Amino acid sequence: MDLSQNLSWNSHIARTTKSGNSTLGFLRRNLRISNEEVKSAAYFTLVRPKLEYCSSVWSPHTKNLVNRLEMVQRRAARFVTNRYHNRSSITDMLDHLNWESLESRRTKSQLMMLFKIVHGLVAIPQDLYLTPSPRSHSLGGRKFIQKQGSTTNYLNSFFPRTIAAWNRLPATVAEAPSLVSFKQGLSTLSF
């Protein structure tokens, strides 16, 4: 990860997308088959992990950076479906492949990390970062108070951003008894 003094993720995402595009180019040059399953597996194994590694920490909030990451997946959809014509709809390709957006996957990853923090599954003390809302039960489910900040970078960092998403979860998902059931609940939601 590239950390900058102003807490911008520009250089990190530039390096991440360059690496993802480079690996995708390698696959395109060397995997000359038409089987979508094999091509998808190659993308899921070799490219997407580069785009998602530790993304709960560095998830971008600007549309420009989000689009730069999504463009790699869009190129992968063209590669997997072998549809390179400029009139081919990428949205149709992504729907056909049943691929979730990377932004939605990052949100779910952040929510899973917060679930782990709340349930003591990771060594991050929740009492330092999470304040239960006094109206949690009247609001339906376990909710947390959103901490206020004055900078955009802080407001879009892990805790403020993830708490906002968590507070919007249906109570049945937020109060899941296990990580497995929480993941299953998240899989039914779109972000």
N, C-alpha and C. Protein backbone atom coordinates (compact mmCIF):
# COMPACT_ATOMS: atom_id res chain seq x y z
N MET A 1 0.83 -1.18 0.00
CA MET A 1 0.00 0.00 0.00
C MET A 1 0.88 1.25 0.00
N ASP A 2 0.42 2.23 -0.72
CA ASP A 2 1.10 3.52 -0.75
C ASP A 2 0.34 4.49 0.14
N LEU A 3 0.99 4.95 1.17
CA LEU A 3 0.39 5.97 2.03
C LEU A 3 1.00 7.31 1.70
N SER A 4 0.15 8.31 1.56
CA SER A 4 0.66 9.65 1.30
C SER A 4 0.40 10.52 2.53
N GLN A 5 1.08 11.64 2.61
CA GLN A 5 0.93 12.53 3.77
C GLN A 5 -0.47 13.12 3.86
N ASN A 6 -1.13 13.30 2.74
CA ASN A 6 -2.48 13.88 2.77
C ASN A 6 -3.56 12.80 2.81
N LEU A 7 -3.17 11.55 3.04
CA LEU A 7 -4.07 10.41 3.15
C LEU A 7 -4.87 10.16 1.87
N SER A 8 -4.30 10.52 0.74
CA SER A 8 -4.93 10.27 -0.55
C SER A 8 -4.51 8.88 -1.03
N TRP A 9 -5.40 8.20 -1.72
CA TRP A 9 -5.11 6.85 -2.23
C TRP A 9 -4.78 6.88 -3.72
N ASN A 10 -4.55 8.06 -4.29
CA ASN A 10 -4.31 8.18 -5.73
C ASN A 10 -3.16 7.30 -6.20
N SER A 11 -2.01 7.40 -5.57
CA SER A 11 -0.84 6.63 -6.04
C SER A 11 -1.04 5.14 -5.80
N HIS A 12 -1.69 4.77 -4.70
CA HIS A 12 -1.94 3.35 -4.44
C HIS A 12 -2.87 2.77 -5.51
N ILE A 13 -3.93 3.48 -5.84
CA ILE A 13 -4.87 2.97 -6.82
C ILE A 13 -4.25 2.98 -8.21
N ALA A 14 -3.42 3.95 -8.51
CA ALA A 14 -2.72 3.97 -9.80
C ALA A 14 -1.84 2.72 -9.94
N ARG A 15 -1.13 2.38 -8.88
CA ARG A 15 -0.28 1.19 -8.92
C ARG A 15 -1.12 -0.09 -8.97
N THR A 16 -2.20 -0.11 -8.22
CA THR A 16 -3.07 -1.28 -8.19
C THR A 16 -3.71 -1.54 -9.55
N THR A 17 -4.24 -0.49 -10.18
CA THR A 17 -4.88 -0.67 -11.48
C THR A 17 -3.86 -1.01 -12.55
N LYS A 18 -2.67 -0.45 -12.46
CA LYS A 18 -1.62 -0.78 -13.42
C LYS A 18 -1.26 -2.26 -13.32
N SER A 19 -1.13 -2.76 -12.10
CA SER A 19 -0.81 -4.17 -11.89
C SER A 19 -1.96 -5.06 -12.38
N GLY A 20 -3.19 -4.68 -12.08
CA GLY A 20 -4.34 -5.46 -12.54
C GLY A 20 -4.44 -5.49 -14.05
N ASN A 21 -4.26 -4.34 -14.70
CA ASN A 21 -4.31 -4.28 -16.16
C ASN A 21 -3.18 -5.06 -16.79
N SER A 22 -2.01 -5.01 -16.17
CA SER A 22 -0.87 -5.75 -16.68
C SER A 22 -1.12 -7.26 -16.64
N THR A 23 -1.64 -7.74 -15.53
CA THR A 23 -1.94 -9.16 -15.40
C THR A 23 -3.07 -9.56 -16.36
N LEU A 24 -4.06 -8.70 -16.51
CA LEU A 24 -5.14 -8.97 -17.45
C LEU A 24 -4.59 -9.04 -18.88
N GLY A 25 -3.66 -8.16 -19.22
CA GLY A 25 -3.02 -8.21 -20.54
C GLY A 25 -2.25 -9.50 -20.74
N PHE A 26 -1.58 -9.95 -19.70
CA PHE A 26 -0.87 -11.24 -19.76
C PHE A 26 -1.86 -12.37 -20.06
N LEU A 27 -2.99 -12.37 -19.36
CA LEU A 27 -4.00 -13.41 -19.58
C LEU A 27 -4.55 -13.34 -21.01
N ARG A 28 -4.79 -12.14 -21.46
CA ARG A 28 -5.35 -11.97 -22.81
C ARG A 28 -4.37 -12.49 -23.87
N ARG A 29 -3.09 -12.27 -23.67
CA ARG A 29 -2.09 -12.74 -24.63
C ARG A 29 -1.87 -14.25 -24.56
N ASN A 30 -2.01 -14.83 -23.38
CA ASN A 30 -1.60 -16.22 -23.20
C ASN A 30 -2.73 -17.22 -22.98
N LEU A 31 -3.92 -16.76 -22.69
CA LEU A 31 -5.04 -17.66 -22.45
C LEU A 31 -5.99 -17.53 -23.64
N ARG A 32 -5.68 -18.26 -24.69
CA ARG A 32 -6.42 -18.12 -25.95
C ARG A 32 -7.47 -19.22 -26.09
N ILE A 33 -8.40 -19.22 -25.18
CA ILE A 33 -9.52 -20.16 -25.24
C ILE A 33 -10.80 -19.35 -25.16
N SER A 34 -11.92 -20.00 -25.48
CA SER A 34 -13.18 -19.26 -25.45
C SER A 34 -14.06 -19.66 -24.26
N ASN A 35 -13.58 -20.50 -23.40
CA ASN A 35 -14.35 -20.97 -22.26
C ASN A 35 -14.46 -19.86 -21.21
N GLU A 36 -15.68 -19.35 -20.99
CA GLU A 36 -15.89 -18.25 -20.04
C GLU A 36 -15.57 -18.65 -18.61
N GLU A 37 -15.85 -19.89 -18.25
CA GLU A 37 -15.58 -20.35 -16.89
C GLU A 37 -14.09 -20.31 -16.57
N VAL A 38 -13.28 -20.77 -17.50
CA VAL A 38 -11.83 -20.79 -17.28
C VAL A 38 -11.29 -19.36 -17.23
N LYS A 39 -11.76 -18.52 -18.15
CA LYS A 39 -11.30 -17.13 -18.16
C LYS A 39 -11.74 -16.41 -16.88
N SER A 40 -12.97 -16.66 -16.43
CA SER A 40 -13.44 -16.06 -15.19
C SER A 40 -12.59 -16.51 -14.02
N ALA A 41 -12.30 -17.81 -13.97
CA ALA A 41 -11.47 -18.34 -12.88
C ALA A 41 -10.09 -17.69 -12.89
N ALA A 42 -9.54 -17.48 -14.08
CA ALA A 42 -8.23 -16.82 -14.18
C ALA A 42 -8.31 -15.39 -13.66
N TYR A 43 -9.37 -14.67 -14.02
CA TYR A 43 -9.56 -13.30 -13.53
C TYR A 43 -9.71 -13.29 -12.01
N PHE A 44 -10.58 -14.17 -11.48
CA PHE A 44 -10.81 -14.22 -10.03
C PHE A 44 -9.55 -14.59 -9.27
N THR A 45 -8.70 -15.40 -9.87
CA THR A 45 -7.50 -15.89 -9.19
C THR A 45 -6.31 -14.94 -9.30
N LEU A 46 -6.13 -14.34 -10.47
CA LEU A 46 -4.91 -13.58 -10.71
C LEU A 46 -5.08 -12.06 -10.72
N VAL A 47 -6.26 -11.57 -11.05
CA VAL A 47 -6.43 -10.12 -11.19
C VAL A 47 -7.22 -9.53 -10.03
N ARG A 48 -8.40 -10.05 -9.77
CA ARG A 48 -9.26 -9.43 -8.75
C ARG A 48 -8.61 -9.35 -7.37
N PRO A 49 -7.84 -10.36 -6.93
CA PRO A 49 -7.18 -10.20 -5.63
C PRO A 49 -6.26 -8.97 -5.56
N LYS A 50 -5.66 -8.60 -6.69
CA LYS A 50 -4.82 -7.40 -6.70
C LYS A 50 -5.65 -6.14 -6.51
N LEU A 51 -6.88 -6.17 -7.01
CA LEU A 51 -7.76 -5.01 -6.92
C LEU A 51 -8.45 -4.91 -5.57
N GLU A 52 -8.42 -6.00 -4.79
CA GLU A 52 -9.16 -6.01 -3.53
C GLU A 52 -8.30 -6.22 -2.29
N TYR A 53 -7.03 -6.41 -2.45
CA TYR A 53 -6.17 -6.69 -1.30
C TYR A 53 -6.24 -5.55 -0.29
N CYS A 54 -6.66 -5.83 0.93
CA CYS A 54 -6.80 -4.86 2.03
C CYS A 54 -7.72 -3.69 1.68
N SER A 55 -8.68 -3.93 0.80
CA SER A 55 -9.53 -2.83 0.34
C SER A 55 -10.44 -2.27 1.42
N SER A 56 -10.62 -2.99 2.51
CA SER A 56 -11.42 -2.40 3.59
C SER A 56 -10.70 -1.21 4.20
N VAL A 57 -9.40 -1.16 4.04
CA VAL A 57 -8.61 -0.04 4.56
C VAL A 57 -8.58 1.11 3.57
N TRP A 58 -8.35 0.81 2.29
CA TRP A 58 -8.10 1.89 1.34
C TRP A 58 -9.25 2.18 0.39
N SER A 59 -10.40 1.69 0.63
CA SER A 59 -11.53 1.87 -0.29
C SER A 59 -11.70 3.35 -0.68
N PRO A 60 -11.63 3.65 -1.99
CA PRO A 60 -11.71 5.05 -2.41
C PRO A 60 -13.12 5.60 -2.31
N HIS A 61 -13.22 6.91 -2.18
CA HIS A 61 -14.52 7.55 -2.11
C HIS A 61 -14.80 8.48 -3.27
N THR A 62 -13.78 8.82 -4.04
CA THR A 62 -14.03 9.70 -5.18
C THR A 62 -14.44 8.88 -6.39
N LYS A 63 -15.34 9.41 -7.18
CA LYS A 63 -15.87 8.70 -8.35
C LYS A 63 -14.75 8.37 -9.33
N ASN A 64 -13.78 9.26 -9.47
CA ASN A 64 -12.67 9.03 -10.38
C ASN A 64 -11.90 7.76 -9.99
N LEU A 65 -11.56 7.63 -8.72
CA LEU A 65 -10.79 6.46 -8.28
C LEU A 65 -11.63 5.18 -8.33
N VAL A 66 -12.90 5.29 -7.98
CA VAL A 66 -13.80 4.13 -8.07
C VAL A 66 -13.87 3.66 -9.51
N ASN A 67 -14.02 4.59 -10.45
CA ASN A 67 -14.12 4.24 -11.87
C ASN A 67 -12.83 3.62 -12.40
N ARG A 68 -11.69 4.09 -11.92
CA ARG A 68 -10.41 3.51 -12.37
C ARG A 68 -10.33 2.03 -12.02
N LEU A 69 -10.79 1.69 -10.82
CA LEU A 69 -10.80 0.28 -10.41
C LEU A 69 -11.83 -0.52 -11.20
N GLU A 70 -13.02 0.06 -11.37
CA GLU A 70 -14.08 -0.65 -12.10
C GLU A 70 -13.69 -0.88 -13.56
N MET A 71 -12.89 0.01 -14.14
CA MET A 71 -12.47 -0.15 -15.53
C MET A 71 -11.67 -1.44 -15.73
N VAL A 72 -10.90 -1.83 -14.73
CA VAL A 72 -10.15 -3.09 -14.86
C VAL A 72 -11.13 -4.25 -14.95
N GLN A 73 -12.16 -4.24 -14.12
CA GLN A 73 -13.15 -5.32 -14.18
C GLN A 73 -13.93 -5.28 -15.49
N ARG A 74 -14.19 -4.09 -16.00
CA ARG A 74 -14.89 -3.97 -17.28
C ARG A 74 -14.04 -4.56 -18.41
N ARG A 75 -12.74 -4.30 -18.37
CA ARG A 75 -11.85 -4.90 -19.37
C ARG A 75 -11.84 -6.42 -19.24
N ALA A 76 -11.89 -6.89 -18.00
CA ALA A 76 -11.92 -8.33 -17.76
C ALA A 76 -13.21 -8.93 -18.31
N ALA A 77 -14.32 -8.23 -18.18
CA ALA A 77 -15.59 -8.73 -18.72
C ALA A 77 -15.51 -8.86 -20.24
N ARG A 78 -14.89 -7.89 -20.89
CA ARG A 78 -14.70 -8.00 -22.35
C ARG A 78 -13.83 -9.20 -22.68
N PHE A 79 -12.77 -9.40 -21.91
CA PHE A 79 -11.87 -10.53 -22.14
C PHE A 79 -12.60 -11.86 -21.96
N VAL A 80 -13.35 -11.99 -20.87
CA VAL A 80 -14.02 -13.25 -20.57
C VAL A 80 -15.10 -13.57 -21.60
N THR A 81 -15.88 -12.57 -21.99
CA THR A 81 -16.96 -12.80 -22.96
C THR A 81 -16.48 -12.73 -24.41
N ASN A 82 -15.26 -12.27 -24.60
CA ASN A 82 -14.65 -12.13 -25.94
C ASN A 82 -15.49 -11.19 -26.82
N ARG A 83 -15.98 -10.11 -26.21
CA ARG A 83 -16.77 -9.12 -26.93
C ARG A 83 -16.05 -7.78 -26.85
N TYR A 84 -15.32 -7.46 -27.90
CA TYR A 84 -14.50 -6.25 -27.91
C TYR A 84 -15.10 -5.12 -28.76
N HIS A 85 -16.23 -5.38 -29.40
CA HIS A 85 -16.83 -4.35 -30.25
C HIS A 85 -17.26 -3.17 -29.39
N ASN A 86 -17.04 -1.96 -29.90
CA ASN A 86 -17.32 -0.77 -29.09
C ASN A 86 -18.81 -0.55 -28.84
N ARG A 87 -19.68 -1.24 -29.54
CA ARG A 87 -21.11 -1.12 -29.29
C ARG A 87 -21.62 -2.19 -28.34
N SER A 88 -20.75 -3.08 -27.90
CA SER A 88 -21.14 -4.12 -26.95
C SER A 88 -21.33 -3.49 -25.58
N SER A 89 -22.40 -3.84 -24.92
CA SER A 89 -22.72 -3.25 -23.62
C SER A 89 -21.97 -3.97 -22.50
N ILE A 90 -21.13 -3.21 -21.82
CA ILE A 90 -20.39 -3.79 -20.69
C ILE A 90 -21.35 -4.16 -19.58
N THR A 91 -22.37 -3.36 -19.36
CA THR A 91 -23.36 -3.67 -18.32
C THR A 91 -24.00 -5.02 -18.58
N ASP A 92 -24.35 -5.28 -19.85
CA ASP A 92 -24.92 -6.59 -20.21
C ASP A 92 -23.92 -7.71 -19.95
N MET A 93 -22.65 -7.45 -20.27
CA MET A 93 -21.62 -8.47 -20.03
C MET A 93 -21.50 -8.78 -18.53
N LEU A 94 -21.46 -7.73 -17.71
CA LEU A 94 -21.34 -7.93 -16.27
C LEU A 94 -22.56 -8.65 -15.71
N ASP A 95 -23.75 -8.32 -16.23
CA ASP A 95 -24.97 -9.01 -15.81
C ASP A 95 -24.93 -10.47 -16.24
N HIS A 96 -24.50 -10.71 -17.47
CA HIS A 96 -24.40 -12.08 -17.98
C HIS A 96 -23.44 -12.92 -17.12
N LEU A 97 -22.32 -12.31 -16.75
CA LEU A 97 -21.33 -13.01 -15.93
C LEU A 97 -21.73 -13.08 -14.46
N ASN A 98 -22.73 -12.25 -14.09
CA ASN A 98 -23.21 -12.18 -12.70
C ASN A 98 -22.09 -11.70 -11.77
N TRP A 99 -21.34 -10.68 -12.24
CA TRP A 99 -20.26 -10.11 -11.45
C TRP A 99 -20.78 -8.88 -10.71
N GLU A 100 -20.50 -8.85 -9.44
CA GLU A 100 -20.85 -7.72 -8.59
C GLU A 100 -19.79 -6.62 -8.79
N SER A 101 -20.19 -5.38 -8.65
CA SER A 101 -19.21 -4.30 -8.79
C SER A 101 -18.15 -4.41 -7.69
N LEU A 102 -16.96 -3.94 -8.00
CA LEU A 102 -15.88 -3.97 -7.01
C LEU A 102 -16.21 -3.05 -5.83
N GLU A 103 -16.91 -1.97 -6.11
CA GLU A 103 -17.30 -1.05 -5.04
C GLU A 103 -18.23 -1.74 -4.04
N SER A 104 -19.18 -2.50 -4.55
CA SER A 104 -20.10 -3.24 -3.67
C SER A 104 -19.34 -4.31 -2.89
N ARG A 105 -18.41 -4.98 -3.54
CA ARG A 105 -17.61 -6.00 -2.86
C ARG A 105 -16.76 -5.37 -1.75
N ARG A 106 -16.23 -4.15 -1.99
CA ARG A 106 -15.45 -3.47 -0.95
C ARG A 106 -16.33 -3.10 0.25
N THR A 107 -17.53 -2.63 -0.03
CA THR A 107 -18.45 -2.28 1.06
C THR A 107 -18.76 -3.51 1.89
N LYS A 108 -19.02 -4.63 1.25
CA LYS A 108 -19.31 -5.87 1.98
C LYS A 108 -18.09 -6.33 2.78
N SER A 109 -16.91 -6.15 2.21
CA SER A 109 -15.68 -6.50 2.93
C SER A 109 -15.51 -5.64 4.18
N GLN A 110 -15.81 -4.35 4.06
CA GLN A 110 -15.73 -3.45 5.21
C GLN A 110 -16.75 -3.86 6.27
N LEU A 111 -17.94 -4.20 5.85
CA LEU A 111 -18.97 -4.62 6.80
C LEU A 111 -18.60 -5.92 7.51
N MET A 112 -17.96 -6.83 6.78
CA MET A 112 -17.52 -8.08 7.41
C MET A 112 -16.42 -7.79 8.44
N MET A 113 -15.53 -6.86 8.13
CA MET A 113 -14.50 -6.49 9.09
C MET A 113 -15.12 -5.86 10.33
N LEU A 114 -16.12 -5.01 10.15
CA LEU A 114 -16.78 -4.41 11.30
C LEU A 114 -17.50 -5.48 12.12
N PHE A 115 -18.11 -6.45 11.47
CA PHE A 115 -18.75 -7.57 12.19
C PHE A 115 -17.71 -8.30 13.05
N LYS A 116 -16.54 -8.53 12.47
CA LYS A 116 -15.47 -9.21 13.22
C LYS A 116 -15.02 -8.37 14.42
N ILE A 117 -14.96 -7.06 14.26
CA ILE A 117 -14.57 -6.17 15.36
C ILE A 117 -15.64 -6.22 16.45
N VAL A 118 -16.90 -6.11 16.05
CA VAL A 118 -18.01 -6.10 17.01
C VAL A 118 -18.07 -7.40 17.81
N HIS A 119 -17.75 -8.51 17.18
CA HIS A 119 -17.85 -9.81 17.84
C HIS A 119 -16.52 -10.33 18.37
N GLY A 120 -15.50 -9.48 18.40
CA GLY A 120 -14.21 -9.86 18.98
C GLY A 120 -13.47 -10.94 18.21
N LEU A 121 -13.68 -11.00 16.89
CA LEU A 121 -13.01 -12.00 16.07
C LEU A 121 -11.66 -11.53 15.55
N VAL A 122 -11.36 -10.25 15.76
CA VAL A 122 -10.06 -9.68 15.42
C VAL A 122 -9.59 -8.85 16.62
N ALA A 123 -8.30 -8.60 16.67
CA ALA A 123 -7.72 -7.90 17.83
C ALA A 123 -7.80 -6.39 17.68
N ILE A 124 -8.99 -5.89 17.41
CA ILE A 124 -9.22 -4.45 17.36
C ILE A 124 -10.28 -4.17 18.41
N PRO A 125 -9.94 -3.43 19.46
CA PRO A 125 -10.90 -3.21 20.55
C PRO A 125 -12.05 -2.30 20.10
N GLN A 126 -13.25 -2.83 20.12
CA GLN A 126 -14.40 -2.06 19.63
C GLN A 126 -14.72 -0.85 20.50
N ASP A 127 -14.45 -0.92 21.80
CA ASP A 127 -14.81 0.20 22.66
C ASP A 127 -14.02 1.47 22.36
N LEU A 128 -12.88 1.35 21.67
CA LEU A 128 -12.11 2.54 21.29
C LEU A 128 -12.71 3.25 20.07
N TYR A 129 -13.42 2.49 19.24
CA TYR A 129 -13.87 3.04 17.96
C TYR A 129 -15.38 3.05 17.77
N LEU A 130 -16.10 2.25 18.55
CA LEU A 130 -17.53 2.11 18.33
C LEU A 130 -18.32 2.50 19.59
N THR A 131 -19.29 3.37 19.42
CA THR A 131 -20.16 3.76 20.52
C THR A 131 -21.58 3.34 20.15
N PRO A 132 -22.14 2.39 20.91
CA PRO A 132 -23.50 1.95 20.60
C PRO A 132 -24.49 3.10 20.71
N SER A 133 -25.42 3.13 19.80
CA SER A 133 -26.46 4.15 19.84
C SER A 133 -27.43 3.81 20.96
N PRO A 134 -27.82 4.80 21.77
CA PRO A 134 -28.76 4.51 22.86
C PRO A 134 -30.13 4.10 22.33
N ARG A 135 -30.41 4.42 21.07
CA ARG A 135 -31.70 4.07 20.48
C ARG A 135 -31.60 2.85 19.58
N SER A 136 -30.55 2.03 19.75
CA SER A 136 -30.33 0.88 18.86
C SER A 136 -31.56 0.02 18.68
N HIS A 137 -32.17 -0.38 19.77
CA HIS A 137 -33.27 -1.33 19.66
C HIS A 137 -34.53 -0.69 19.10
N SER A 138 -34.75 0.57 19.39
CA SER A 138 -35.93 1.23 18.82
C SER A 138 -35.74 1.48 17.33
N LEU A 139 -34.48 1.53 16.87
CA LEU A 139 -34.19 1.72 15.45
C LEU A 139 -34.20 0.39 14.70
N GLY A 140 -34.23 -0.72 15.42
CA GLY A 140 -34.23 -2.03 14.77
C GLY A 140 -32.83 -2.53 14.53
N GLY A 141 -32.26 -3.23 15.48
CA GLY A 141 -30.93 -3.80 15.31
C GLY A 141 -29.87 -3.00 16.04
N ARG A 142 -28.68 -3.54 16.05
CA ARG A 142 -27.55 -2.90 16.72
C ARG A 142 -27.02 -1.78 15.84
N LYS A 143 -27.06 -0.56 16.33
CA LYS A 143 -26.59 0.62 15.59
C LYS A 143 -25.47 1.28 16.38
N PHE A 144 -24.68 2.11 15.68
CA PHE A 144 -23.57 2.81 16.31
C PHE A 144 -23.66 4.30 16.00
N ILE A 145 -23.14 5.11 16.90
CA ILE A 145 -23.11 6.55 16.70
C ILE A 145 -22.00 6.87 15.70
N GLN A 146 -22.33 7.69 14.72
CA GLN A 146 -21.33 8.11 13.75
C GLN A 146 -20.54 9.26 14.32
N LYS A 147 -19.23 9.10 14.33
CA LYS A 147 -18.37 10.18 14.82
C LYS A 147 -18.26 11.24 13.73
N GLN A 148 -18.25 12.47 14.16
CA GLN A 148 -18.17 13.59 13.23
C GLN A 148 -16.72 13.97 12.99
N GLY A 149 -16.46 14.51 11.84
CA GLY A 149 -15.13 14.96 11.50
C GLY A 149 -15.22 16.16 10.58
N SER A 150 -14.09 16.79 10.38
CA SER A 150 -14.10 18.00 9.56
C SER A 150 -13.45 17.79 8.20
N THR A 151 -12.77 16.67 8.01
CA THR A 151 -12.10 16.46 6.72
C THR A 151 -12.79 15.35 5.94
N THR A 152 -12.76 15.48 4.65
CA THR A 152 -13.36 14.48 3.77
C THR A 152 -12.64 13.15 3.91
N ASN A 153 -11.32 13.20 4.05
CA ASN A 153 -10.57 11.96 4.18
C ASN A 153 -10.97 11.20 5.44
N TYR A 154 -11.18 11.92 6.54
CA TYR A 154 -11.61 11.24 7.77
C TYR A 154 -13.01 10.67 7.60
N LEU A 155 -13.92 11.45 7.07
CA LEU A 155 -15.31 11.01 6.94
C LEU A 155 -15.45 9.80 6.02
N ASN A 156 -14.48 9.62 5.13
CA ASN A 156 -14.50 8.48 4.22
C ASN A 156 -13.52 7.39 4.62
N SER A 157 -13.00 7.49 5.84
CA SER A 157 -12.10 6.43 6.33
C SER A 157 -12.95 5.27 6.86
N PHE A 158 -12.30 4.21 7.29
CA PHE A 158 -12.98 2.95 7.61
C PHE A 158 -14.15 3.11 8.58
N PHE A 159 -13.92 3.61 9.79
CA PHE A 159 -14.99 3.60 10.78
C PHE A 159 -16.18 4.50 10.42
N PRO A 160 -15.97 5.78 10.09
CA PRO A 160 -17.16 6.59 9.75
C PRO A 160 -17.95 6.03 8.57
N ARG A 161 -17.23 5.61 7.56
CA ARG A 161 -17.88 5.10 6.35
C ARG A 161 -18.61 3.78 6.61
N THR A 162 -17.96 2.88 7.33
CA THR A 162 -18.53 1.56 7.57
C THR A 162 -19.67 1.62 8.57
N ILE A 163 -19.56 2.49 9.57
CA ILE A 163 -20.65 2.65 10.53
C ILE A 163 -21.91 3.15 9.81
N ALA A 164 -21.75 4.06 8.87
CA ALA A 164 -22.90 4.55 8.11
C ALA A 164 -23.56 3.41 7.34
N ALA A 165 -22.75 2.57 6.70
CA ALA A 165 -23.30 1.42 5.96
C ALA A 165 -23.94 0.41 6.92
N TRP A 166 -23.28 0.18 8.06
CA TRP A 166 -23.79 -0.76 9.06
C TRP A 166 -25.17 -0.32 9.58
N ASN A 167 -25.29 0.96 9.86
CA ASN A 167 -26.55 1.48 10.40
C ASN A 167 -27.71 1.36 9.41
N ARG A 168 -27.40 1.20 8.14
CA ARG A 168 -28.45 1.03 7.11
C ARG A 168 -28.81 -0.45 6.90
N LEU A 169 -28.06 -1.37 7.52
CA LEU A 169 -28.35 -2.80 7.34
C LEU A 169 -29.69 -3.16 7.97
N PRO A 170 -30.39 -4.11 7.37
CA PRO A 170 -31.59 -4.63 8.03
C PRO A 170 -31.20 -5.30 9.34
N ALA A 171 -32.06 -5.24 10.33
CA ALA A 171 -31.76 -5.81 11.65
C ALA A 171 -31.43 -7.30 11.56
N THR A 172 -32.08 -8.01 10.66
CA THR A 172 -31.83 -9.45 10.54
C THR A 172 -30.40 -9.74 10.11
N VAL A 173 -29.80 -8.84 9.35
CA VAL A 173 -28.41 -9.02 8.92
C VAL A 173 -27.47 -8.54 10.02
N ALA A 174 -27.71 -7.35 10.55
CA ALA A 174 -26.81 -6.77 11.56
C ALA A 174 -26.74 -7.63 12.82
N GLU A 175 -27.80 -8.33 13.14
CA GLU A 175 -27.83 -9.15 14.34
C GLU A 175 -27.57 -10.63 14.06
N ALA A 176 -26.92 -10.92 12.95
CA ALA A 176 -26.61 -12.32 12.60
C ALA A 176 -25.76 -12.94 13.70
N PRO A 177 -26.02 -14.21 14.03
CA PRO A 177 -25.30 -14.84 15.13
C PRO A 177 -23.87 -15.28 14.80
N SER A 178 -23.56 -15.41 13.51
CA SER A 178 -22.22 -15.87 13.13
C SER A 178 -21.76 -15.14 11.87
N LEU A 179 -20.46 -15.22 11.62
CA LEU A 179 -19.91 -14.58 10.42
C LEU A 179 -20.48 -15.22 9.16
N VAL A 180 -20.68 -16.52 9.19
CA VAL A 180 -21.24 -17.22 8.02
C VAL A 180 -22.65 -16.70 7.71
N SER A 181 -23.49 -16.60 8.74
CA SER A 181 -24.85 -16.11 8.50
C SER A 181 -24.84 -14.62 8.12
N PHE A 182 -23.88 -13.86 8.65
CA PHE A 182 -23.75 -12.45 8.27
C PHE A 182 -23.39 -12.34 6.79
N LYS A 183 -22.43 -13.16 6.34
CA LYS A 183 -22.05 -13.16 4.91
C LYS A 183 -23.24 -13.54 4.03
N GLN A 184 -24.00 -14.53 4.47
CA GLN A 184 -25.17 -14.94 3.71
C GLN A 184 -26.19 -13.80 3.62
N GLY A 185 -26.39 -13.10 4.74
CA GLY A 185 -27.29 -11.96 4.73
C GLY A 185 -26.81 -10.85 3.80
N LEU A 186 -25.50 -10.59 3.83
CA LEU A 186 -24.94 -9.56 2.94
C LEU A 186 -25.09 -9.93 1.47
N SER A 187 -25.00 -11.23 1.18
CA SER A 187 -25.06 -11.66 -0.23
C SER A 187 -26.42 -11.35 -0.85
N THR A 188 -27.44 -11.15 -0.04
CA THR A 188 -28.77 -10.82 -0.57
C THR A 188 -28.94 -9.32 -0.80
N LEU A 189 -27.99 -8.52 -0.33
CA LEU A 189 -28.09 -7.07 -0.43
C LEU A 189 -27.22 -6.54 -1.56
N SER A 190 -27.60 -5.40 -2.09
CA SER A 190 -26.74 -4.73 -3.07
C SER A 190 -26.42 -3.34 -2.56
N PHE A 191 -25.21 -2.90 -2.84
CA PHE A 191 -24.73 -1.59 -2.37
C PHE A 191 -24.33 -0.74 -3.54
